[in-house]
Amino acid sequence: MPRRRSRPLLPTLVILALAVGLVLVLRPRLARPRPAPPPEPKPAPARSLDPALAARLEPLLDDWLARWRKTDPGFSLARLRALAEYEIETPRPEPELAPDSAAALLRRREAAGLISHSPDRSRYIDLNAYAEVVVSRTGTRVYSEPDQLVELVDLRRRTRTRLAFHGTASATDAARWLDDSTVVLCGSSENPAGARSHRLPELRLARLNRRTVATYTLP
């Protein structure tokens, strides 16, 4: 009876190692359930930002304002108008992690620029809950996808709350806290008019005590 040839062991081990590595990278994303699609925001009267509020926001948003003034030198917060408003959703329980694991995960996300803490550090904004930060021997990488989920994490109540969801038409680039209950999400959205600028500045003003988010952009 002819002997069966044994398959080389090395290629099998290489394939197995690659499969295990892929599972380790994707496991946090696969394990995290996606929330239901956000409700449609309600159109808001085209009001401007309150001048007193705009004056308080100006120094917090200087880098964001400077970026838009490169293409529009006359841009200011006074030119923004309310576009829509929606209620903040019901908080969800934060997934249970061992304290050491939770602290290490937060440090990695802080180092990647994904975290913005409230002044009293009881809450923070996760700029993209869909992004995964992977640390390896070659360095730190952030794996993301076209969609973006901006969440509020309450450390005392151990909850997560969706503040904004973006497809490819809009994005949040940074979060700036005005106080412990007011945070501004700075970003951009596509220009539906298709004018000279393909993107428009967009601010989302989240008032956590009122549980509302108002979106402002150029008219």
Protein backbone atom coordinates (compact mmCIF):
# COMPACT_ATOMS: atom_id res chain seq x y z
CA MET A 1 0.00 0.00 0.00
CA PRO A 2 1.57 3.38 -0.96
CA ARG A 3 2.32 5.75 1.89
CA ARG A 4 0.37 8.97 2.19
CA ARG A 5 2.57 12.01 1.90
CA SER A 6 2.54 14.25 4.95
CA ARG A 7 1.85 17.91 4.28
CA PRO A 8 4.59 20.44 5.16
CA LEU A 9 3.97 21.75 8.67
CA LEU A 10 5.39 25.27 8.26
CA PRO A 11 2.75 26.68 5.85
CA THR A 12 -0.01 25.36 8.09
CA LEU A 13 1.51 27.06 11.14
CA VAL A 14 1.91 30.34 9.24
CA ILE A 15 -1.76 30.30 8.16
CA LEU A 16 -2.85 29.48 11.71
CA ALA A 17 -0.76 32.34 13.15
CA LEU A 18 -2.24 34.82 10.66
CA ALA A 19 -5.77 33.69 11.49
CA VAL A 20 -5.15 34.07 15.24
CA GLY A 21 -3.68 37.54 14.72
CA LEU A 22 -6.68 38.64 12.67
CA VAL A 23 -9.07 37.42 15.35
CA LEU A 24 -7.16 39.32 18.06
CA VAL A 25 -7.33 42.55 16.03
CA LEU A 26 -11.02 42.22 15.18
CA ARG A 27 -12.24 40.67 18.42
CA PRO A 28 -13.03 43.98 20.23
CA ARG A 29 -14.94 45.26 17.20
CA LEU A 30 -16.85 42.01 16.72
CA ALA A 31 -17.65 41.76 20.42
CA ARG A 32 -19.05 45.30 20.67
CA PRO A 33 -22.73 45.33 19.63
CA ARG A 34 -23.70 48.16 17.33
CA PRO A 35 -26.49 50.43 18.53
CA ALA A 36 -29.62 50.84 16.45
CA PRO A 37 -29.59 53.57 13.77
CA PRO A 38 -29.98 57.05 15.28
CA PRO A 39 -33.35 58.81 15.05
CA GLU A 40 -33.83 61.47 12.41
CA PRO A 41 -33.00 64.96 13.77
CA LYS A 42 -35.74 67.57 13.72
CA PRO A 43 -35.18 70.71 11.60
CA ALA A 44 -34.40 73.72 13.78
CA PRO A 45 -35.15 77.41 13.21
CA ALA A 46 -32.19 79.02 11.42
CA ARG A 47 -31.05 80.91 14.50
CA SER A 48 -27.46 81.96 15.15
CA LEU A 49 -25.36 81.05 18.15
CA ASP A 50 -26.01 83.18 21.21
CA PRO A 51 -23.34 85.94 21.10
CA ALA A 52 -22.35 85.38 24.74
CA LEU A 53 -21.97 81.65 24.08
CA ALA A 54 -19.99 82.29 20.89
CA ALA A 55 -17.61 84.55 22.84
CA ARG A 56 -16.94 81.74 25.33
CA LEU A 57 -16.45 79.20 22.56
CA GLU A 58 -14.08 81.32 20.47
CA PRO A 59 -10.86 80.63 22.45
CA LEU A 60 -11.70 76.92 22.74
CA LEU A 61 -12.11 76.56 18.98
CA ASP A 62 -9.18 78.68 17.78
CA ASP A 63 -7.46 75.80 15.94
CA TRP A 64 -10.71 74.73 14.25
CA LEU A 65 -11.53 78.34 13.29
CA ALA A 66 -8.01 78.89 11.95
CA ARG A 67 -8.32 75.86 9.70
CA TRP A 68 -11.53 77.14 8.10
CA ARG A 69 -10.18 80.69 7.77
CA LYS A 70 -7.46 79.39 5.46
CA THR A 71 -10.12 78.94 2.76
CA ASP A 72 -12.64 81.50 4.05
CA PRO A 73 -10.84 84.43 5.75
CA GLY A 74 -14.12 85.96 6.93
CA PHE A 75 -15.38 82.85 8.68
CA SER A 76 -16.62 83.30 12.26
CA LEU A 77 -18.97 81.60 14.69
CA ALA A 78 -21.46 84.43 14.13
CA ARG A 79 -22.06 83.16 10.58
CA LEU A 80 -23.23 79.71 11.71
CA ARG A 81 -26.94 78.91 11.77
CA ALA A 82 -28.85 76.11 13.47
CA LEU A 83 -29.66 73.27 11.08
CA ALA A 84 -31.23 70.57 13.26
CA GLU A 85 -31.69 69.44 16.84
CA TYR A 86 -32.15 66.02 18.41
CA GLU A 87 -32.49 64.49 21.84
CA ILE A 88 -29.61 62.62 23.43
CA GLU A 89 -30.36 58.92 23.55
CA THR A 90 -30.74 56.70 26.61
CA PRO A 91 -27.35 55.67 28.06
CA ARG A 92 -26.21 52.06 27.67
CA PRO A 93 -24.22 50.11 30.29
CA GLU A 94 -20.47 50.21 29.75
CA PRO A 95 -19.11 46.72 28.93
CA GLU A 96 -17.55 45.07 31.97
CA LEU A 97 -13.75 44.93 31.91
CA ALA A 98 -11.17 44.20 34.58
CA PRO A 99 -9.92 47.50 36.09
CA ASP A 100 -6.40 47.00 34.74
CA SER A 101 -7.69 46.20 31.25
CA ALA A 102 -10.06 49.18 31.25
CA ALA A 103 -7.29 51.56 32.35
CA ALA A 104 -4.88 50.22 29.73
CA LEU A 105 -7.51 50.52 26.99
CA LEU A 106 -8.27 54.12 27.97
CA ARG A 107 -4.55 55.03 27.97
CA ARG A 108 -4.14 53.62 24.47
CA ARG A 109 -7.12 55.59 23.19
CA GLU A 110 -5.85 58.76 24.90
CA ALA A 111 -2.45 58.31 23.24
CA ALA A 112 -4.18 57.93 19.86
CA GLY A 113 -6.03 61.25 20.34
CA LEU A 114 -9.48 59.68 20.56
CA ILE A 115 -10.37 60.87 24.09
CA SER A 116 -11.42 64.28 25.41
CA HIS A 117 -12.04 64.52 29.17
CA SER A 118 -14.53 66.82 30.88
CA PRO A 119 -12.98 69.43 33.21
CA ASP A 120 -13.83 67.36 36.31
CA ARG A 121 -12.73 64.15 34.48
CA SER A 122 -15.94 62.35 35.44
CA ARG A 123 -16.88 61.95 31.77
CA TYR A 124 -15.12 61.85 28.44
CA ILE A 125 -15.85 61.89 24.74
CA ASP A 126 -14.71 58.93 22.65
CA LEU A 127 -14.31 60.45 19.19
CA ASN A 128 -14.75 57.16 17.38
CA ALA A 129 -16.00 54.13 19.28
CA TYR A 130 -15.68 52.09 16.06
CA ALA A 131 -11.91 52.66 15.92
CA GLU A 132 -9.61 50.06 17.46
CA VAL A 133 -6.14 50.89 18.80
CA VAL A 134 -3.68 48.02 18.41
CA VAL A 135 -0.24 48.10 20.02
CA SER A 136 2.45 45.82 18.59
CA ARG A 137 6.22 45.59 18.48
CA THR A 138 6.28 47.87 15.46
CA GLY A 139 4.19 50.61 17.08
CA THR A 140 0.61 51.71 17.60
CA ARG A 141 -2.00 51.65 14.85
CA VAL A 142 -5.59 52.85 14.73
CA TYR A 143 -7.90 50.67 12.66
CA SER A 144 -11.04 52.49 11.60
CA GLU A 145 -13.80 52.35 9.00
CA PRO A 146 -15.90 54.83 6.99
CA ASP A 147 -18.55 55.25 9.71
CA GLN A 148 -17.83 57.17 12.91
CA LEU A 149 -19.58 56.84 16.27
CA VAL A 150 -19.03 59.62 18.83
CA GLU A 151 -19.91 58.55 22.37
CA LEU A 152 -20.10 60.09 25.83
CA VAL A 153 -18.69 57.85 28.56
CA ASP A 154 -19.79 58.50 32.15
CA LEU A 155 -17.19 57.04 34.51
CA ARG A 156 -19.35 57.40 37.62
CA ARG A 157 -22.46 55.77 36.17
CA ARG A 158 -20.43 53.41 33.95
CA THR A 159 -22.51 54.17 30.86
CA ARG A 160 -22.03 55.03 27.19
CA THR A 161 -24.28 57.39 25.24
CA ARG A 162 -24.25 58.05 21.52
CA LEU A 163 -23.90 61.76 20.78
CA ALA A 164 -23.32 61.61 17.02
CA PHE A 165 -23.15 59.12 14.18
CA HIS A 166 -21.43 59.94 10.89
CA GLY A 167 -21.35 58.23 7.53
CA THR A 168 -18.98 59.43 4.83
CA ALA A 169 -20.84 62.73 4.38
CA SER A 170 -19.82 64.22 7.73
CA ALA A 171 -17.27 63.84 10.52
CA THR A 172 -16.30 65.02 14.00
CA ASP A 173 -12.62 65.96 14.25
CA ALA A 174 -12.39 67.15 17.86
CA ALA A 175 -14.39 67.68 21.05
CA ARG A 176 -14.08 70.78 23.24
CA TRP A 177 -15.65 71.04 26.70
CA LEU A 178 -17.12 74.41 27.66
CA ASP A 179 -17.95 73.11 31.15
CA ASP A 180 -18.82 69.79 32.77
CA SER A 181 -22.25 69.67 31.11
CA THR A 182 -21.60 71.34 27.73
CA VAL A 183 -19.41 69.93 24.98
CA VAL A 184 -18.91 71.01 21.37
CA LEU A 185 -18.14 68.54 18.58
CA CYS A 186 -16.13 70.27 15.84
CA GLY A 187 -16.17 68.84 12.35
CA SER A 188 -17.40 69.17 8.80
CA SER A 189 -20.07 67.99 6.39
CA GLU A 190 -20.48 67.78 2.63
CA ASN A 191 -21.61 70.92 0.86
CA PRO A 192 -24.94 69.98 -0.79
CA ALA A 193 -24.68 72.99 -3.11
CA GLY A 194 -21.43 71.70 -4.62
CA ALA A 195 -19.93 75.18 -4.55
CA ARG A 196 -16.23 76.14 -4.39
CA SER A 197 -15.80 74.35 -1.07
CA HIS A 198 -16.71 70.66 -1.03
CA ARG A 199 -16.97 70.70 2.78
CA LEU A 200 -18.74 72.97 5.23
CA PRO A 201 -17.86 73.63 8.87
CA GLU A 202 -20.19 71.89 11.30
CA LEU A 203 -20.58 72.27 15.06
CA ARG A 204 -22.68 70.08 17.32
CA LEU A 205 -23.51 71.71 20.65
CA ALA A 206 -24.36 69.03 23.22
CA ARG A 207 -26.07 70.26 26.38
CA LEU A 208 -25.91 67.21 28.60
CA ASN A 209 -28.22 68.56 31.33
CA ARG A 210 -30.91 69.37 28.75
CA ARG A 211 -30.15 66.13 26.85
CA THR A 212 -30.13 67.89 23.47
CA VAL A 213 -27.68 68.26 20.59
CA ALA A 214 -28.00 71.18 18.17
CA THR A 215 -26.19 71.15 14.81
CA TYR A 216 -24.84 74.42 13.35
CA THR A 217 -23.38 75.04 9.89
CA LEU A 218 -23.19 77.74 7.23
CA PRO A 219 -26.53 78.64 5.61
